Amino acid sequence: MAKKDSVIKTQELDKLYGEVRHIIEEGRNTVYRAANAAMVHSYWKIGKLIVKEEQKGKDRADYGTALIKSLAFRLSFDYGKGFTETNLKYMRQFYNHFGNSHALRDELSWTHYRLLLKVEKGTVQTFYVNEAVSGNWSTRTMERQINSHYYERMLLSSKEGQPLVKQEAEHNKELFQAKDIIKDPYVLEFLDLKANTAFYERELEQAIIDKLQEFLLELGKGFCFVERQHRISAEDEHFYVDLVFYNYILKCFLLIDLKTGKLTHQDIGQMDMYVRYFEDQVRQDNDNPTIGLILCAEKNRALAKYSLLSESKQIFASQYKTYLPTEEELQAELGREIEILKQEKRLKKK
């Protein structure tokens, strides 16, 4: 009987587990939101300092531009991509739009506030702030509502029609999860934490990228590994280049993006955007033009496509092909690796 009594009942254990889990989740959410709130308030203070400094040089037309450019250069070197010229301008605009720091809502992220800067100050901004907080809107939901003119539709609707407009918004909304904060690259950089590439890579993609990284380094044709999952931020979106190499013989960057589905025009356009970003923000004056490489691992075949700006086509044809693997070689290597991974997966199942 004593032995029977000493055994923890499943029901009691489930109850205890549920209570402990609630405490852990609540604690994590508190930490995530506190980190986010600290970052938002810090950005507001930085915006305030920039505005005050600009006012000292208001008689010089180019003072503000030079100030932000110099500040961004030094801050980016010390603290990462969260302090680019673009983001510093957002911080300045943030202070100008939300002059009272006590009115800032800790429930909203920096991306929420960047979206709010696109709408009219005053009543319209206040409306979206209140709706986002009360409805726990994700940033995607806020962007959707702003783009669909939710405020204007509510304003133009009759008293009887407003609940229908609100019901439609509620039906399509995504909730803002505190755990998503810790994946935000701005928050990670603010806390001086490294992003976990597992957030952005699936198991198959990660395995293929591992093999491709080894393959290029083993070619012995001047390839140096630079970074994996290199982030490019454009407006309120973040993109990640799977692999970045630098070739010291060609003196150029090679950007590689892997697609596990069918290659689309959007994929090509995205790679062109990556290349343009590197040309504008990363490439030095003595570097040759950046090259993009899209690898597509479809179900039954592999595709490889080099992508570079039109003005660089002649350079590519005359110089680069000596040191870069051909599209056929890449296709063959990619096909081999996919088949090996499939066989390994089949063996694990046996």
Protein backbone atom coordinates (compact mmCIF):
# COMPACT_ATOMS: atom_id res chain seq x y z
CA MET A 1 0.00 0.00 0.00
CA ALA A 2 2.87 2.38 0.92
CA LYS A 3 4.54 1.61 -2.37
CA LYS A 4 1.34 2.44 -4.19
CA ASP A 5 1.00 5.75 -2.34
CA SER A 6 4.60 6.74 -3.14
CA VAL A 7 4.03 6.56 -6.87
CA ILE A 8 3.21 10.01 -8.28
CA LYS A 9 -0.13 9.92 -10.03
CA THR A 10 -0.09 10.98 -13.68
CA GLN A 11 -2.81 13.54 -13.09
CA GLU A 12 -0.86 15.18 -10.24
CA LEU A 13 2.36 15.20 -12.29
CA ASP A 14 0.56 16.76 -15.26
CA LYS A 15 -0.83 19.48 -13.00
CA LEU A 16 2.60 20.19 -11.49
CA TYR A 17 4.23 20.18 -14.93
CA GLY A 18 1.63 22.64 -16.23
CA GLU A 19 2.22 25.03 -13.34
CA VAL A 20 6.01 24.87 -13.68
CA ARG A 21 5.80 25.38 -17.43
CA HIS A 22 3.56 28.43 -16.92
CA ILE A 23 6.16 29.96 -14.58
CA ILE A 24 8.98 29.34 -17.08
CA GLU A 25 7.02 30.78 -20.03
CA GLU A 26 5.91 33.77 -17.99
CA GLY A 27 9.49 34.41 -16.85
CA ARG A 28 10.86 34.17 -20.38
CA ASN A 29 8.18 36.49 -21.73
CA THR A 30 9.01 39.02 -19.03
CA VAL A 31 12.71 38.91 -19.96
CA TYR A 32 12.01 39.14 -23.72
CA ARG A 33 9.66 42.09 -23.33
CA ALA A 34 12.03 43.83 -20.90
CA ALA A 35 14.89 43.51 -23.42
CA ASN A 36 12.68 44.82 -26.19
CA ALA A 37 11.41 47.74 -24.09
CA ALA A 38 14.98 48.68 -23.10
CA MET A 39 16.01 48.71 -26.76
CA VAL A 40 13.03 50.83 -27.87
CA HIS A 41 13.63 53.39 -25.11
CA SER A 42 17.37 53.45 -25.94
CA TYR A 43 16.61 54.12 -29.61
CA TRP A 44 14.28 56.97 -28.55
CA LYS A 45 17.09 58.50 -26.46
CA ILE A 46 19.56 58.14 -29.35
CA GLY A 47 17.06 59.90 -31.62
CA LYS A 48 16.75 62.70 -29.09
CA LEU A 49 20.55 63.14 -28.93
CA ILE A 50 20.80 63.24 -32.75
CA VAL A 51 18.04 65.88 -33.03
CA LYS A 52 19.65 68.05 -30.34
CA GLU A 53 23.08 67.78 -31.98
CA GLU A 54 21.62 68.60 -35.41
CA GLN A 55 20.02 71.74 -33.98
CA LYS A 56 23.48 73.01 -33.05
CA GLY A 57 24.47 72.93 -36.70
CA LYS A 58 21.14 73.99 -38.22
CA ASP A 59 22.85 76.83 -40.10
CA ARG A 60 24.88 74.27 -42.09
CA ALA A 61 22.76 72.39 -44.63
CA ASP A 62 24.91 69.26 -44.74
CA TYR A 63 25.61 69.02 -41.01
CA GLY A 64 22.83 66.51 -40.23
CA THR A 65 23.79 64.21 -43.10
CA ALA A 66 27.47 64.23 -42.18
CA LEU A 67 26.67 63.70 -38.51
CA ILE A 68 24.55 60.59 -39.10
CA LYS A 69 27.00 59.15 -41.62
CA SER A 70 29.97 59.52 -39.22
CA LEU A 71 27.98 58.24 -36.25
CA ALA A 72 26.70 55.23 -38.22
CA PHE A 73 30.22 54.30 -39.34
CA ARG A 74 31.57 54.21 -35.77
CA LEU A 75 28.53 52.58 -34.16
CA SER A 76 28.24 49.90 -36.86
CA PHE A 77 31.87 48.97 -36.34
CA ASP A 78 31.35 48.56 -32.59
CA TYR A 79 27.73 47.38 -32.36
CA GLY A 80 26.69 45.86 -35.70
CA LYS A 81 24.08 46.42 -38.38
CA GLY A 82 21.42 47.83 -36.06
CA PHE A 83 23.11 51.21 -36.28
CA THR A 84 23.24 51.89 -40.01
CA GLU A 85 22.53 55.35 -41.44
CA THR A 86 19.01 54.21 -42.28
CA ASN A 87 18.27 52.99 -38.77
CA LEU A 88 19.74 56.12 -37.17
CA LYS A 89 17.44 58.21 -39.36
CA TYR A 90 14.53 56.08 -38.12
CA MET A 91 15.61 56.80 -34.54
CA ARG A 92 15.63 60.53 -35.24
CA GLN A 93 12.21 60.29 -36.85
CA PHE A 94 11.04 58.13 -33.93
CA TYR A 95 11.90 60.89 -31.44
CA ASN A 96 10.24 63.53 -33.64
CA HIS A 97 7.02 61.48 -33.89
CA PHE A 98 6.89 60.31 -30.27
CA GLY A 99 8.28 63.25 -28.31
CA ASN A 100 7.10 61.93 -24.95
CA SER A 101 8.99 58.81 -23.88
CA HIS A 102 6.38 58.08 -21.20
CA ALA A 103 3.83 57.48 -23.99
CA LEU A 104 5.86 54.63 -25.49
CA ARG A 105 4.22 51.24 -25.12
CA ASP A 106 6.42 48.38 -23.98
CA GLU A 107 4.08 45.91 -25.72
CA LEU A 108 5.28 47.13 -29.14
CA SER A 109 8.57 46.22 -30.80
CA TRP A 110 10.97 48.46 -32.69
CA THR A 111 9.57 47.06 -35.96
CA HIS A 112 6.06 48.08 -34.82
CA TYR A 113 7.30 51.62 -34.27
CA ARG A 114 9.11 51.75 -37.61
CA LEU A 115 5.81 50.86 -39.28
CA LEU A 116 4.01 53.54 -37.26
CA LEU A 117 6.40 56.16 -38.64
CA LYS A 118 4.76 55.65 -42.04
CA VAL A 119 1.36 56.91 -40.86
CA GLU A 120 0.27 60.41 -40.00
CA LYS A 121 1.30 61.75 -36.60
CA GLY A 122 -1.32 62.31 -33.94
CA THR A 123 -4.75 60.71 -34.13
CA VAL A 124 -3.91 58.10 -36.77
CA GLN A 125 -0.76 56.92 -35.00
CA THR A 126 -2.55 56.81 -31.65
CA PHE A 127 -5.33 54.74 -33.21
CA TYR A 128 -2.91 52.11 -34.55
CA VAL A 129 -0.94 52.03 -31.28
CA ASN A 130 -4.09 51.37 -29.26
CA GLU A 131 -5.42 48.77 -31.71
CA ALA A 132 -2.06 46.95 -31.88
CA VAL A 133 -1.73 46.81 -28.10
CA SER A 134 -5.34 45.80 -27.36
CA GLY A 135 -5.37 43.26 -30.20
CA ASN A 136 -1.80 42.01 -29.58
CA TRP A 137 -1.00 42.54 -33.28
CA SER A 138 2.09 41.03 -34.83
CA THR A 139 4.16 43.36 -36.99
CA ARG A 140 2.83 41.63 -40.10
CA THR A 141 -0.74 42.26 -38.97
CA MET A 142 0.02 45.92 -38.29
CA GLU A 143 1.60 46.32 -41.73
CA ARG A 144 -1.42 44.65 -43.35
CA GLN A 145 -3.88 46.90 -41.52
CA ILE A 146 -1.96 50.07 -42.37
CA ASN A 147 -1.67 49.10 -46.04
CA SER A 148 -5.38 48.24 -46.20
CA HIS A 149 -6.27 51.66 -44.69
CA TYR A 150 -7.93 50.14 -41.65
CA TYR A 151 -8.21 53.53 -39.88
CA GLU A 152 -9.84 55.19 -42.89
CA ARG A 153 -12.27 52.28 -43.34
CA MET A 154 -13.29 52.50 -39.69
CA LEU A 155 -13.69 56.27 -39.99
CA LEU A 156 -15.85 56.08 -43.12
CA SER A 157 -18.02 53.21 -41.87
CA SER A 158 -21.30 53.84 -40.15
CA LYS A 159 -21.71 53.02 -36.47
CA GLU A 160 -23.40 49.76 -37.46
CA GLY A 161 -20.71 48.92 -40.05
CA GLN A 162 -17.67 49.46 -37.84
CA PRO A 163 -18.02 46.12 -35.98
CA LEU A 164 -17.91 44.32 -39.35
CA VAL A 165 -14.69 46.10 -40.34
CA LYS A 166 -13.19 45.28 -36.94
CA GLN A 167 -14.36 41.66 -37.17
CA GLU A 168 -12.61 41.27 -40.53
CA ALA A 169 -9.39 42.67 -39.05
CA GLU A 170 -9.62 40.33 -36.06
CA HIS A 171 -10.26 37.32 -38.28
CA ASN A 172 -7.06 37.84 -40.30
CA LYS A 173 -4.73 38.93 -37.52
CA GLU A 174 -1.59 37.17 -36.30
CA LEU A 175 -0.71 37.44 -32.61
CA PHE A 176 2.52 39.02 -31.43
CA GLN A 177 4.46 36.36 -29.52
CA ALA A 178 7.00 37.46 -26.91
CA LYS A 179 9.26 34.53 -27.92
CA ASP A 180 9.58 36.04 -31.41
CA ILE A 181 11.40 39.02 -29.90
CA ILE A 182 14.50 36.95 -29.22
CA LYS A 183 14.72 36.06 -32.93
CA ASP A 184 14.61 39.72 -33.97
CA PRO A 185 18.09 40.59 -35.31
CA TYR A 186 17.88 44.11 -33.86
CA VAL A 187 17.27 42.74 -30.37
CA LEU A 188 20.04 40.15 -30.72
CA GLU A 189 22.51 42.82 -31.80
CA PHE A 190 21.39 45.15 -29.04
CA LEU A 191 22.09 42.39 -26.50
CA ASP A 192 25.34 41.44 -28.27
CA LEU A 193 24.05 37.93 -28.96
CA LYS A 194 24.74 35.82 -32.05
CA ALA A 195 21.79 34.71 -34.16
CA ASN A 196 21.19 30.96 -34.19
CA THR A 197 21.36 29.82 -37.82
CA ALA A 198 18.95 27.01 -36.95
CA PHE A 199 16.23 29.67 -36.95
CA TYR A 200 16.76 30.15 -40.68
CA GLU A 201 17.89 26.76 -42.00
CA ARG A 202 15.91 23.58 -42.29
CA GLU A 203 17.64 20.24 -41.75
CA LEU A 204 18.07 19.34 -45.45
CA GLU A 205 19.18 22.85 -46.42
CA GLN A 206 21.67 22.94 -43.56
CA ALA A 207 23.21 19.63 -44.61
CA ILE A 208 23.54 20.70 -48.24
CA ILE A 209 25.06 24.07 -47.24
CA ASP A 210 27.59 22.23 -45.05
CA LYS A 211 28.72 20.16 -48.04
CA LEU A 212 28.84 23.14 -50.42
CA GLN A 213 30.94 25.10 -47.96
CA GLU A 214 33.46 22.23 -47.83
CA PHE A 215 33.35 21.76 -51.62
CA LEU A 216 34.27 25.38 -52.43
CA LEU A 217 37.01 25.56 -49.82
CA GLU A 218 38.53 22.31 -51.10
CA LEU A 219 38.70 23.60 -54.68
CA GLY A 220 41.84 25.54 -53.76
CA LYS A 221 41.05 28.41 -56.12
CA GLY A 222 41.25 31.32 -53.71
CA PHE A 223 37.99 30.91 -51.80
CA CYS A 224 37.82 32.23 -48.23
CA PHE A 225 34.75 31.68 -46.07
CA VAL A 226 33.20 34.94 -44.82
CA GLU A 227 29.84 34.24 -43.21
CA ARG A 228 26.81 31.99 -43.06
CA GLN A 229 23.29 33.41 -43.04
CA HIS A 230 24.51 36.96 -43.69
CA ARG A 231 21.68 39.34 -42.88
CA ILE A 232 20.52 42.08 -45.24
CA SER A 233 17.86 44.43 -43.88
CA ALA A 234 15.61 46.34 -46.27
CA GLU A 235 12.97 48.57 -44.68
CA ASP A 236 11.17 46.30 -42.19
CA GLU A 237 12.23 42.98 -43.75
CA HIS A 238 15.29 40.88 -43.09
CA PHE A 239 16.86 38.58 -45.68
CA TYR A 240 19.61 36.01 -45.15
CA VAL A 241 22.24 35.03 -47.71
CA ASP A 242 23.02 31.35 -47.12
CA LEU A 243 26.78 31.55 -47.75
CA VAL A 244 29.21 34.40 -48.41
CA PHE A 245 32.74 33.79 -49.72
CA TYR A 246 35.53 36.10 -50.82
CA ASN A 247 37.91 35.02 -53.57
CA TYR A 248 41.32 36.63 -53.02
CA ILE A 249 42.50 35.77 -56.54
CA LEU A 250 39.48 37.33 -58.26
CA LYS A 251 39.15 39.97 -55.51
CA CYS A 252 35.38 39.63 -55.35
CA PHE A 253 32.56 38.41 -53.14
CA LEU A 254 30.57 35.30 -54.04
CA LEU A 255 27.06 35.10 -52.59
CA ILE A 256 25.31 31.72 -52.56
CA ASP A 257 21.62 31.12 -51.99
CA LEU A 258 20.10 27.65 -51.87
CA LYS A 259 16.53 26.90 -52.92
CA THR A 260 14.96 23.50 -52.25
CA GLY A 261 11.98 24.13 -54.50
CA LYS A 262 11.51 25.23 -58.10
CA LEU A 263 13.55 28.26 -59.15
CA THR A 264 11.33 31.34 -59.62
CA HIS A 265 11.72 34.86 -61.00
CA GLN A 266 11.37 36.10 -57.41
CA ASP A 267 14.43 34.04 -56.41
CA ILE A 268 16.47 35.63 -59.19
CA GLY A 269 15.21 39.11 -58.27
CA GLN A 270 16.12 38.50 -54.63
CA MET A 271 19.66 37.47 -55.54
CA ASP A 272 20.00 40.59 -57.70
CA MET A 273 19.00 42.60 -54.63
CA TYR A 274 21.70 40.85 -52.58
CA VAL A 275 24.32 41.62 -55.24
CA ARG A 276 23.28 45.28 -55.44
CA TYR A 277 23.46 45.56 -51.66
CA PHE A 278 27.02 44.19 -51.60
CA GLU A 279 28.01 46.45 -54.47
CA ASP A 280 26.68 49.48 -52.62
CA GLN A 281 27.45 48.67 -48.97
CA VAL A 282 30.24 46.09 -48.77
CA ARG A 283 32.48 46.03 -51.87
CA GLN A 284 35.62 48.17 -51.63
CA ASP A 285 36.96 50.32 -54.48
CA ASN A 286 39.70 47.82 -55.35
CA ASP A 287 37.29 44.83 -55.40
CA ASN A 288 35.85 43.38 -58.57
CA PRO A 289 32.05 43.17 -59.03
CA THR A 290 30.12 40.86 -56.72
CA ILE A 291 28.79 37.54 -58.06
CA GLY A 292 25.59 35.84 -56.98
CA LEU A 293 25.06 32.09 -57.28
CA ILE A 294 21.63 30.46 -56.98
CA LEU A 295 21.58 26.73 -56.37
CA CYS A 296 18.25 25.01 -56.81
CA ALA A 297 17.73 21.50 -55.45
CA GLU A 298 14.50 20.31 -57.07
CA LYS A 299 13.12 16.83 -56.44
CA ASN A 300 14.64 15.17 -59.48
CA ARG A 301 17.39 17.52 -60.60
CA ALA A 302 19.81 20.23 -59.51
CA LEU A 303 20.20 23.66 -61.09
CA ALA A 304 22.91 26.31 -60.74
CA LYS A 305 22.71 29.87 -62.02
CA TYR A 306 25.22 32.70 -61.67
CA SER A 307 23.72 36.14 -61.22
CA LEU A 308 25.49 39.49 -61.53
CA LEU A 309 24.72 43.02 -62.64
CA SER A 310 24.44 43.59 -66.39
CA GLU A 311 27.42 45.96 -66.45
CA SER A 312 29.62 43.12 -65.13
CA LYS A 313 28.72 40.50 -67.75
CA GLN A 314 31.85 41.05 -69.86
CA ILE A 315 34.17 40.79 -66.85
CA PHE A 316 32.49 37.56 -65.84
CA ALA A 317 32.89 36.04 -69.30
CA SER A 318 36.54 36.99 -69.67
CA GLN A 319 38.01 36.57 -66.16
CA TYR A 320 35.84 34.85 -63.58
CA LYS A 321 35.18 31.51 -65.27
CA THR A 322 38.81 30.42 -64.86
CA TYR A 323 38.48 30.26 -61.09
CA LEU A 324 34.79 29.65 -60.50
CA PRO A 325 33.28 26.19 -60.85
CA THR A 326 31.07 25.92 -63.93
CA GLU A 327 27.31 25.63 -63.59
CA GLU A 328 27.59 22.01 -64.79
CA GLU A 329 30.17 21.17 -62.09
CA LEU A 330 27.97 22.76 -59.41
CA GLN A 331 24.89 20.92 -60.65
CA ALA A 332 26.76 17.62 -60.55
CA GLU A 333 28.14 18.27 -57.05
CA LEU A 334 24.75 19.38 -55.76
CA GLY A 335 23.08 16.33 -57.31
CA ARG A 336 25.64 14.00 -55.72
CA GLU A 337 25.22 15.53 -52.27
CA ILE A 338 21.43 15.38 -52.45
CA GLU A 339 21.57 11.70 -53.38
CA ILE A 340 24.03 10.94 -50.55
CA LEU A 341 21.80 12.72 -48.03
CA LYS A 342 18.77 10.80 -49.28
CA GLN A 343 20.60 7.49 -48.91
CA GLU A 344 21.70 8.39 -45.38
CA LYS A 345 18.14 9.24 -44.50
CA ARG A 346 16.89 5.91 -45.91
CA LEU A 347 19.52 3.99 -43.91
CA LYS A 348 18.49 5.73 -40.68
CA LYS A 349 14.90 4.58 -41.21
CA LYS A 350 15.89 0.91 -41.50
